[in-house]
Structures are given as structure tokens and as C-alpha cells.
Amino acid sequence: MESHRLALRVERLEGFLKFLSAAQTEIRFSARPVDQIVRRYGNELPFLKACANCFENGTDFFTAWQHGVNHSGLCDKDKELFNGFGRSFGTSDTEGQVSHCALYYELTSLSLKEAKEEKDRKSKLYQMFGIFSGMAAALLLC
């Protein structure tokens, strides 16, 4: 279970990196508004889909973003990172937005590296703990 949570964190951070890269490209070459970018890529990450649904109900961008992030099951550190991105996303000119995406791409890459290291280090431990717990239960039942 814990091993799955670690793998899910890595998967979500990788998905967010893809979103950041796509958003940066969309902003640079089409100057598309942030709500359209989120709607376009909403199916790729659960919190983006929740955010897009809030847009449809007339919620402002940052409130919708926070709602999506805070109801996503992310760990507190990732919520802080994602909300930091959403706080300034769409608030400056095109070059500012491209730089903002690049900054958060780097910050997310660092978090992803840390998450992968934690997953590699702990997932084997959790799997072995599960195996030994099962063996101990079998011995107690025999």
C-alpha cells in the first residue's frame, strides 16, 4: 500500500512535468489563456480535471486551481508546489508565463528526483516487510 503511494507520487509529478512543458509551449506559440490550457490537458491529471470542472461553474482561476490541488490526494509538499505554480499562473505577460513554467519545471524536476529516490529506497523495504509479515502470520497459524 505504502509502496503504491510512492509510485503514485512519482506518476503525478511526471504528469505535472508534462503539463508544464505543454503549457509552456501553448503559451509561447498560441498565447492561449490558462483556463483553456487546463481544460485541454485536464484528462491527464485528476486535479486538472477537478480544476476544469470548477471553471465551468464560474469559479475564478486560482480558487479552481486550489480546489483541484487540495482535493487531489497529493502530499502536503506537492500541494504546496502545485499551489505555488497556480498562484502566479496567468498573471503576467507571455514571457513571464514562459519563465514561470520553466521555473516550476525545474522545481518539479527536483521533487521528482527526490520522489524517485524515496520510492527506490522504501518500496523494496515495504515489499520485504509485507512478505515477512505474511510469513510470520503463516508460522503463527501453523
N, C-alpha and C. Protein backbone atom coordinates (compact mmCIF):
# COMPACT_ATOMS: atom_id res chain seq x y z
N MET A 1 0.82 -1.19 0.00
CA MET A 1 0.00 0.00 0.00
C MET A 1 0.87 1.26 0.00
N GLU A 2 1.81 1.31 0.94
CA GLU A 2 2.72 2.46 1.01
C GLU A 2 3.60 2.52 -0.24
N SER A 3 3.99 1.38 -0.73
CA SER A 3 4.79 1.30 -1.96
C SER A 3 4.00 1.89 -3.13
N HIS A 4 2.71 1.60 -3.16
CA HIS A 4 1.84 2.14 -4.22
C HIS A 4 1.73 3.66 -4.12
N ARG A 5 1.66 4.18 -2.90
CA ARG A 5 1.57 5.63 -2.69
C ARG A 5 2.82 6.33 -3.23
N LEU A 6 3.98 5.72 -3.01
CA LEU A 6 5.23 6.30 -3.51
C LEU A 6 5.27 6.29 -5.03
N ALA A 7 4.81 5.20 -5.63
CA ALA A 7 4.77 5.11 -7.10
C ALA A 7 3.77 6.11 -7.67
N LEU A 8 2.66 6.30 -7.00
CA LEU A 8 1.64 7.25 -7.45
C LEU A 8 2.17 8.68 -7.39
N ARG A 9 2.96 8.99 -6.38
CA ARG A 9 3.55 10.34 -6.28
C ARG A 9 4.47 10.59 -7.46
N VAL A 10 5.30 9.61 -7.79
CA VAL A 10 6.21 9.75 -8.93
C VAL A 10 5.39 9.96 -10.21
N GLU A 11 4.35 9.18 -10.37
CA GLU A 11 3.49 9.28 -11.56
C GLU A 11 2.85 10.67 -11.68
N ARG A 12 2.36 11.20 -10.57
CA ARG A 12 1.72 12.52 -10.59
C ARG A 12 2.72 13.63 -10.89
N LEU A 13 3.91 13.53 -10.33
CA LEU A 13 4.93 14.55 -10.62
C LEU A 13 5.36 14.49 -12.08
N GLU A 14 5.48 13.28 -12.63
CA GLU A 14 5.81 13.15 -14.05
C GLU A 14 4.70 13.75 -14.91
N GLY A 15 3.46 13.52 -14.54
CA GLY A 15 2.34 14.09 -15.26
C GLY A 15 2.33 15.61 -15.20
N PHE A 16 2.68 16.15 -14.03
CA PHE A 16 2.72 17.61 -13.89
C PHE A 16 3.85 18.19 -14.73
N LEU A 17 4.98 17.49 -14.83
CA LEU A 17 6.07 17.95 -15.69
C LEU A 17 5.61 18.01 -17.15
N LYS A 18 4.88 17.00 -17.58
CA LYS A 18 4.35 17.00 -18.95
C LYS A 18 3.40 18.18 -19.16
N PHE A 19 2.55 18.42 -18.16
CA PHE A 19 1.63 19.56 -18.25
C PHE A 19 2.40 20.87 -18.34
N LEU A 20 3.43 21.05 -17.51
CA LEU A 20 4.22 22.29 -17.53
C LEU A 20 4.88 22.51 -18.88
N SER A 21 5.42 21.44 -19.45
CA SER A 21 6.05 21.54 -20.76
C SER A 21 5.03 21.93 -21.83
N ALA A 22 3.87 21.27 -21.80
CA ALA A 22 2.82 21.57 -22.77
C ALA A 22 2.29 22.99 -22.58
N ALA A 23 2.10 23.41 -21.33
CA ALA A 23 1.60 24.75 -21.05
C ALA A 23 2.59 25.81 -21.55
N GLN A 24 3.86 25.56 -21.33
CA GLN A 24 4.89 26.49 -21.79
C GLN A 24 4.83 26.64 -23.31
N THR A 25 4.68 25.53 -24.01
CA THR A 25 4.59 25.56 -25.47
C THR A 25 3.33 26.28 -25.92
N GLU A 26 2.20 25.98 -25.28
CA GLU A 26 0.93 26.62 -25.63
C GLU A 26 1.01 28.14 -25.43
N ILE A 27 1.61 28.56 -24.34
CA ILE A 27 1.71 29.99 -24.06
C ILE A 27 2.64 30.67 -25.06
N ARG A 28 3.76 30.04 -25.32
CA ARG A 28 4.75 30.64 -26.21
C ARG A 28 4.23 30.78 -27.64
N PHE A 29 3.58 29.75 -28.16
CA PHE A 29 3.24 29.74 -29.57
C PHE A 29 1.79 30.08 -29.90
N SER A 30 0.89 29.99 -28.93
CA SER A 30 -0.50 30.31 -29.26
C SER A 30 -1.11 31.35 -28.33
N ALA A 31 -0.40 31.72 -27.27
CA ALA A 31 -0.89 32.69 -26.29
C ALA A 31 -2.29 32.32 -25.80
N ARG A 32 -2.52 31.03 -25.65
CA ARG A 32 -3.82 30.52 -25.19
C ARG A 32 -4.01 30.87 -23.71
N PRO A 33 -5.22 31.27 -23.31
CA PRO A 33 -5.50 31.57 -21.89
C PRO A 33 -5.33 30.32 -21.01
N VAL A 34 -4.99 30.56 -19.75
CA VAL A 34 -4.69 29.45 -18.85
C VAL A 34 -5.87 28.52 -18.63
N ASP A 35 -7.09 29.05 -18.58
CA ASP A 35 -8.23 28.17 -18.37
C ASP A 35 -8.41 27.21 -19.54
N GLN A 36 -8.12 27.66 -20.76
CA GLN A 36 -8.20 26.76 -21.93
C GLN A 36 -7.09 25.71 -21.89
N ILE A 37 -5.92 26.10 -21.43
CA ILE A 37 -4.82 25.14 -21.31
C ILE A 37 -5.17 24.05 -20.30
N VAL A 38 -5.71 24.46 -19.17
CA VAL A 38 -6.09 23.49 -18.13
C VAL A 38 -7.18 22.56 -18.65
N ARG A 39 -8.17 23.12 -19.35
CA ARG A 39 -9.24 22.28 -19.91
C ARG A 39 -8.68 21.29 -20.93
N ARG A 40 -7.76 21.77 -21.74
CA ARG A 40 -7.20 20.92 -22.81
C ARG A 40 -6.45 19.72 -22.24
N TYR A 41 -5.73 19.93 -21.15
CA TYR A 41 -4.91 18.85 -20.58
C TYR A 41 -5.54 18.27 -19.31
N GLY A 42 -6.79 18.60 -19.06
CA GLY A 42 -7.48 18.18 -17.84
C GLY A 42 -7.61 16.69 -17.65
N ASN A 43 -7.66 15.93 -18.72
CA ASN A 43 -7.82 14.48 -18.57
C ASN A 43 -6.54 13.77 -18.16
N GLU A 44 -5.42 14.47 -18.22
CA GLU A 44 -4.14 13.83 -17.92
C GLU A 44 -3.83 13.76 -16.43
N LEU A 45 -4.35 14.68 -15.66
CA LEU A 45 -4.13 14.69 -14.21
C LEU A 45 -5.47 14.93 -13.51
N PRO A 46 -5.78 14.15 -12.48
CA PRO A 46 -7.07 14.29 -11.80
C PRO A 46 -7.33 15.70 -11.26
N PHE A 47 -6.30 16.35 -10.72
CA PHE A 47 -6.54 17.67 -10.15
C PHE A 47 -6.83 18.70 -11.24
N LEU A 48 -6.28 18.51 -12.44
CA LEU A 48 -6.59 19.42 -13.54
C LEU A 48 -8.04 19.27 -13.99
N LYS A 49 -8.51 18.04 -13.96
CA LYS A 49 -9.91 17.80 -14.33
C LYS A 49 -10.85 18.46 -13.32
N ALA A 50 -10.53 18.33 -12.04
CA ALA A 50 -11.34 18.97 -11.00
C ALA A 50 -11.29 20.49 -11.14
N CYS A 51 -10.12 21.01 -11.50
CA CYS A 51 -9.95 22.44 -11.71
C CYS A 51 -10.81 22.90 -12.90
N ALA A 52 -10.77 22.16 -14.00
CA ALA A 52 -11.55 22.49 -15.18
C ALA A 52 -13.05 22.46 -14.88
N ASN A 53 -13.47 21.50 -14.07
CA ASN A 53 -14.89 21.43 -13.69
C ASN A 53 -15.31 22.67 -12.90
N CYS A 54 -14.43 23.18 -12.06
CA CYS A 54 -14.74 24.39 -11.30
C CYS A 54 -14.87 25.60 -12.22
N PHE A 55 -14.05 25.65 -13.29
CA PHE A 55 -14.16 26.74 -14.26
C PHE A 55 -15.56 26.79 -14.86
N GLU A 56 -16.07 25.61 -15.17
CA GLU A 56 -17.38 25.54 -15.80
C GLU A 56 -18.47 26.06 -14.88
N ASN A 57 -18.22 26.04 -13.58
CA ASN A 57 -19.19 26.56 -12.61
C ASN A 57 -18.97 28.04 -12.33
N GLY A 58 -18.04 28.67 -13.06
CA GLY A 58 -17.81 30.10 -12.92
C GLY A 58 -16.82 30.50 -11.85
N THR A 59 -16.07 29.57 -11.31
CA THR A 59 -15.09 29.86 -10.27
C THR A 59 -13.87 30.53 -10.89
N ASP A 60 -13.27 31.49 -10.17
CA ASP A 60 -12.06 32.14 -10.68
C ASP A 60 -10.90 31.13 -10.73
N PHE A 61 -9.86 31.47 -11.50
CA PHE A 61 -8.80 30.50 -11.78
C PHE A 61 -8.13 29.97 -10.52
N PHE A 62 -7.62 30.84 -9.67
CA PHE A 62 -6.84 30.34 -8.53
C PHE A 62 -7.69 29.55 -7.55
N THR A 63 -8.91 29.97 -7.33
CA THR A 63 -9.80 29.20 -6.44
C THR A 63 -10.06 27.82 -7.02
N ALA A 64 -10.29 27.76 -8.34
CA ALA A 64 -10.50 26.47 -9.00
C ALA A 64 -9.24 25.61 -8.92
N TRP A 65 -8.09 26.24 -9.12
CA TRP A 65 -6.81 25.53 -9.05
C TRP A 65 -6.60 24.95 -7.65
N GLN A 66 -6.80 25.79 -6.63
CA GLN A 66 -6.64 25.32 -5.25
C GLN A 66 -7.59 24.18 -4.93
N HIS A 67 -8.82 24.30 -5.37
CA HIS A 67 -9.80 23.23 -5.14
C HIS A 67 -9.30 21.92 -5.75
N GLY A 68 -8.83 21.99 -7.00
CA GLY A 68 -8.33 20.79 -7.67
C GLY A 68 -7.15 20.18 -6.95
N VAL A 69 -6.20 21.02 -6.55
CA VAL A 69 -4.99 20.53 -5.88
C VAL A 69 -5.32 19.99 -4.49
N ASN A 70 -6.12 20.71 -3.73
CA ASN A 70 -6.40 20.32 -2.35
C ASN A 70 -7.28 19.08 -2.24
N HIS A 71 -7.99 18.71 -3.29
CA HIS A 71 -8.82 17.51 -3.28
C HIS A 71 -8.23 16.41 -4.15
N SER A 72 -6.92 16.44 -4.34
CA SER A 72 -6.28 15.51 -5.26
C SER A 72 -5.60 14.33 -4.57
N GLY A 73 -5.42 14.39 -3.27
CA GLY A 73 -4.71 13.32 -2.57
C GLY A 73 -3.20 13.46 -2.64
N LEU A 74 -2.72 14.62 -3.06
CA LEU A 74 -1.28 14.86 -3.09
C LEU A 74 -0.75 15.04 -1.67
N CYS A 75 0.54 14.77 -1.49
CA CYS A 75 1.15 15.03 -0.18
C CYS A 75 1.27 16.55 0.00
N ASP A 76 1.45 16.99 1.22
CA ASP A 76 1.49 18.42 1.53
C ASP A 76 2.58 19.15 0.76
N LYS A 77 3.73 18.52 0.61
CA LYS A 77 4.83 19.16 -0.11
C LYS A 77 4.46 19.40 -1.57
N ASP A 78 3.81 18.43 -2.20
CA ASP A 78 3.40 18.59 -3.60
C ASP A 78 2.26 19.58 -3.74
N LYS A 79 1.35 19.59 -2.77
CA LYS A 79 0.27 20.59 -2.78
C LYS A 79 0.84 22.00 -2.74
N GLU A 80 1.85 22.19 -1.89
CA GLU A 80 2.49 23.50 -1.78
C GLU A 80 3.14 23.90 -3.10
N LEU A 81 3.83 22.96 -3.73
CA LEU A 81 4.47 23.21 -5.02
C LEU A 81 3.44 23.56 -6.09
N PHE A 82 2.40 22.74 -6.22
CA PHE A 82 1.39 22.94 -7.25
C PHE A 82 0.61 24.24 -7.01
N ASN A 83 0.27 24.52 -5.75
CA ASN A 83 -0.45 25.77 -5.45
C ASN A 83 0.43 26.99 -5.70
N GLY A 84 1.73 26.85 -5.45
CA GLY A 84 2.66 27.94 -5.77
C GLY A 84 2.66 28.25 -7.25
N PHE A 85 2.61 27.21 -8.06
CA PHE A 85 2.53 27.42 -9.51
C PHE A 85 1.22 28.11 -9.87
N GLY A 86 0.11 27.60 -9.35
CA GLY A 86 -1.20 28.14 -9.70
C GLY A 86 -1.42 29.57 -9.24
N ARG A 87 -0.74 29.96 -8.16
CA ARG A 87 -0.89 31.31 -7.62
C ARG A 87 -0.48 32.37 -8.63
N SER A 88 0.53 32.10 -9.45
CA SER A 88 1.03 33.10 -10.40
C SER A 88 0.77 32.74 -11.86
N PHE A 89 0.19 31.58 -12.10
CA PHE A 89 -0.06 31.15 -13.48
C PHE A 89 -1.13 32.05 -14.10
N GLY A 90 -0.79 32.67 -15.21
CA GLY A 90 -1.73 33.52 -15.92
C GLY A 90 -1.77 34.95 -15.43
N THR A 91 -0.80 35.36 -14.61
CA THR A 91 -0.86 36.71 -14.04
C THR A 91 0.15 37.68 -14.65
N SER A 92 0.92 37.24 -15.65
CA SER A 92 1.90 38.14 -16.26
C SER A 92 1.85 38.01 -17.78
N ASP A 93 2.75 38.70 -18.44
CA ASP A 93 2.80 38.64 -19.90
C ASP A 93 3.33 37.29 -20.37
N THR A 94 3.38 37.10 -21.68
CA THR A 94 3.77 35.82 -22.26
C THR A 94 5.14 35.37 -21.80
N GLU A 95 6.13 36.25 -21.85
CA GLU A 95 7.48 35.86 -21.44
C GLU A 95 7.54 35.53 -19.95
N GLY A 96 6.80 36.28 -19.16
CA GLY A 96 6.73 35.99 -17.73
C GLY A 96 6.13 34.62 -17.46
N GLN A 97 5.10 34.25 -18.23
CA GLN A 97 4.47 32.95 -18.07
C GLN A 97 5.39 31.82 -18.51
N VAL A 98 6.11 32.04 -19.60
CA VAL A 98 7.07 31.03 -20.07
C VAL A 98 8.15 30.82 -19.00
N SER A 99 8.65 31.91 -18.42
CA SER A 99 9.65 31.81 -17.36
C SER A 99 9.08 31.13 -16.12
N HIS A 100 7.83 31.44 -15.80
CA HIS A 100 7.16 30.83 -14.64
C HIS A 100 7.06 29.32 -14.83
N CYS A 101 6.67 28.89 -16.03
CA CYS A 101 6.59 27.45 -16.32
C CYS A 101 7.96 26.81 -16.23
N ALA A 102 8.99 27.49 -16.75
CA ALA A 102 10.35 26.95 -16.70
C ALA A 102 10.84 26.80 -15.26
N LEU A 103 10.55 27.80 -14.43
CA LEU A 103 10.94 27.73 -13.01
C LEU A 103 10.28 26.54 -12.33
N TYR A 104 8.98 26.38 -12.51
CA TYR A 104 8.28 25.28 -11.85
C TYR A 104 8.61 23.94 -12.47
N TYR A 105 9.06 23.94 -13.72
CA TYR A 105 9.54 22.70 -14.32
C TYR A 105 10.78 22.23 -13.57
N GLU A 106 11.68 23.15 -13.28
CA GLU A 106 12.90 22.81 -12.55
C GLU A 106 12.58 22.39 -11.11
N LEU A 107 11.71 23.12 -10.45
CA LEU A 107 11.34 22.77 -9.07
C LEU A 107 10.66 21.40 -9.01
N THR A 108 9.80 21.13 -9.98
CA THR A 108 9.11 19.83 -10.02
C THR A 108 10.10 18.72 -10.36
N SER A 109 11.06 19.00 -11.22
CA SER A 109 12.09 18.00 -11.54
C SER A 109 12.87 17.60 -10.29
N LEU A 110 13.18 18.58 -9.45
CA LEU A 110 13.88 18.28 -8.19
C LEU A 110 13.01 17.42 -7.28
N SER A 111 11.73 17.76 -7.19
CA SER A 111 10.81 16.96 -6.37
C SER A 111 10.66 15.56 -6.92
N LEU A 112 10.63 15.45 -8.25
CA LEU A 112 10.52 14.13 -8.89
C LEU A 112 11.76 13.29 -8.59
N LYS A 113 12.92 13.89 -8.67
CA LYS A 113 14.16 13.16 -8.37
C LYS A 113 14.12 12.64 -6.93
N GLU A 114 13.70 13.50 -6.01
CA GLU A 114 13.59 13.10 -4.61
C GLU A 114 12.55 11.99 -4.43
N ALA A 115 11.43 12.10 -5.13
CA ALA A 115 10.37 11.09 -5.02
C ALA A 115 10.84 9.74 -5.57
N LYS A 116 11.59 9.76 -6.66
CA LYS A 116 12.10 8.51 -7.24
C LYS A 116 13.10 7.85 -6.29
N GLU A 117 13.96 8.67 -5.68
CA GLU A 117 14.93 8.13 -4.73
C GLU A 117 14.21 7.52 -3.53
N GLU A 118 13.20 8.21 -3.03
CA GLU A 118 12.43 7.70 -1.90
C GLU A 118 11.71 6.41 -2.28
N LYS A 119 11.15 6.38 -3.46
CA LYS A 119 10.44 5.18 -3.94
C LYS A 119 11.41 4.01 -4.04
N ASP A 120 12.57 4.24 -4.65
CA ASP A 120 13.56 3.17 -4.79
C ASP A 120 14.03 2.66 -3.43
N ARG A 121 14.24 3.59 -2.52
CA ARG A 121 14.76 3.24 -1.20
C ARG A 121 13.71 2.52 -0.34
N LYS A 122 12.49 3.02 -0.36
CA LYS A 122 11.48 2.50 0.56
C LYS A 122 10.59 1.41 0.00
N SER A 123 10.38 1.38 -1.31
CA SER A 123 9.42 0.39 -1.84
C SER A 123 9.91 -1.03 -1.62
N LYS A 124 11.20 -1.27 -1.76
CA LYS A 124 11.74 -2.61 -1.51
C LYS A 124 11.58 -2.98 -0.03
N LEU A 125 11.80 -2.00 0.82
CA LEU A 125 11.64 -2.23 2.26
C LEU A 125 10.20 -2.61 2.58
N TYR A 126 9.24 -1.87 2.02
CA TYR A 126 7.82 -2.16 2.29
C TYR A 126 7.41 -3.52 1.74
N GLN A 127 7.94 -3.87 0.57
CA GLN A 127 7.61 -5.18 -0.01
C GLN A 127 8.17 -6.30 0.86
N MET A 128 9.41 -6.15 1.32
CA MET A 128 10.00 -7.18 2.18
C MET A 128 9.25 -7.27 3.51
N PHE A 129 8.85 -6.14 4.04
CA PHE A 129 8.08 -6.13 5.27
C PHE A 129 6.77 -6.89 5.08
N GLY A 130 6.12 -6.70 3.95
CA GLY A 130 4.88 -7.42 3.64
C GLY A 130 5.10 -8.92 3.54
N ILE A 131 6.19 -9.30 2.89
CA ILE A 131 6.50 -10.73 2.75
C ILE A 131 6.77 -11.35 4.12
N PHE A 132 7.60 -10.68 4.93
CA PHE A 132 7.92 -11.21 6.25
C PHE A 132 6.70 -11.24 7.17
N SER A 133 5.83 -10.26 7.05
CA SER A 133 4.59 -10.27 7.84
C SER A 133 3.72 -11.45 7.45
N GLY A 134 3.64 -11.72 6.16
CA GLY A 134 2.87 -12.87 5.68
C GLY A 134 3.46 -14.18 6.17
N MET A 135 4.79 -14.27 6.14
CA MET A 135 5.44 -15.49 6.62
C MET A 135 5.23 -15.67 8.12
N ALA A 136 5.30 -14.57 8.87
CA ALA A 136 5.09 -14.65 10.32
C ALA A 136 3.66 -15.08 10.63
N ALA A 137 2.71 -14.56 9.88
CA ALA A 137 1.31 -14.95 10.08
C ALA A 137 1.11 -16.42 9.76
N ALA A 138 1.77 -16.89 8.70
CA ALA A 138 1.65 -18.31 8.33
C ALA A 138 2.25 -19.20 9.41
N LEU A 139 3.39 -18.79 9.97
CA LEU A 139 4.02 -19.58 11.03
C LEU A 139 3.15 -19.61 12.29
N LEU A 140 2.51 -18.50 12.59
CA LEU A 140 1.66 -18.45 13.78
C LEU A 140 0.41 -19.30 13.61
N LEU A 141 -0.07 -19.42 12.40
CA LEU A 141 -1.27 -20.21 12.13
C LEU A 141 -0.98 -21.70 12.08
N CYS A 142 0.25 -22.07 11.83
CA CYS A 142 0.61 -23.49 11.73
C CYS A 142 0.82 -24.15 13.03
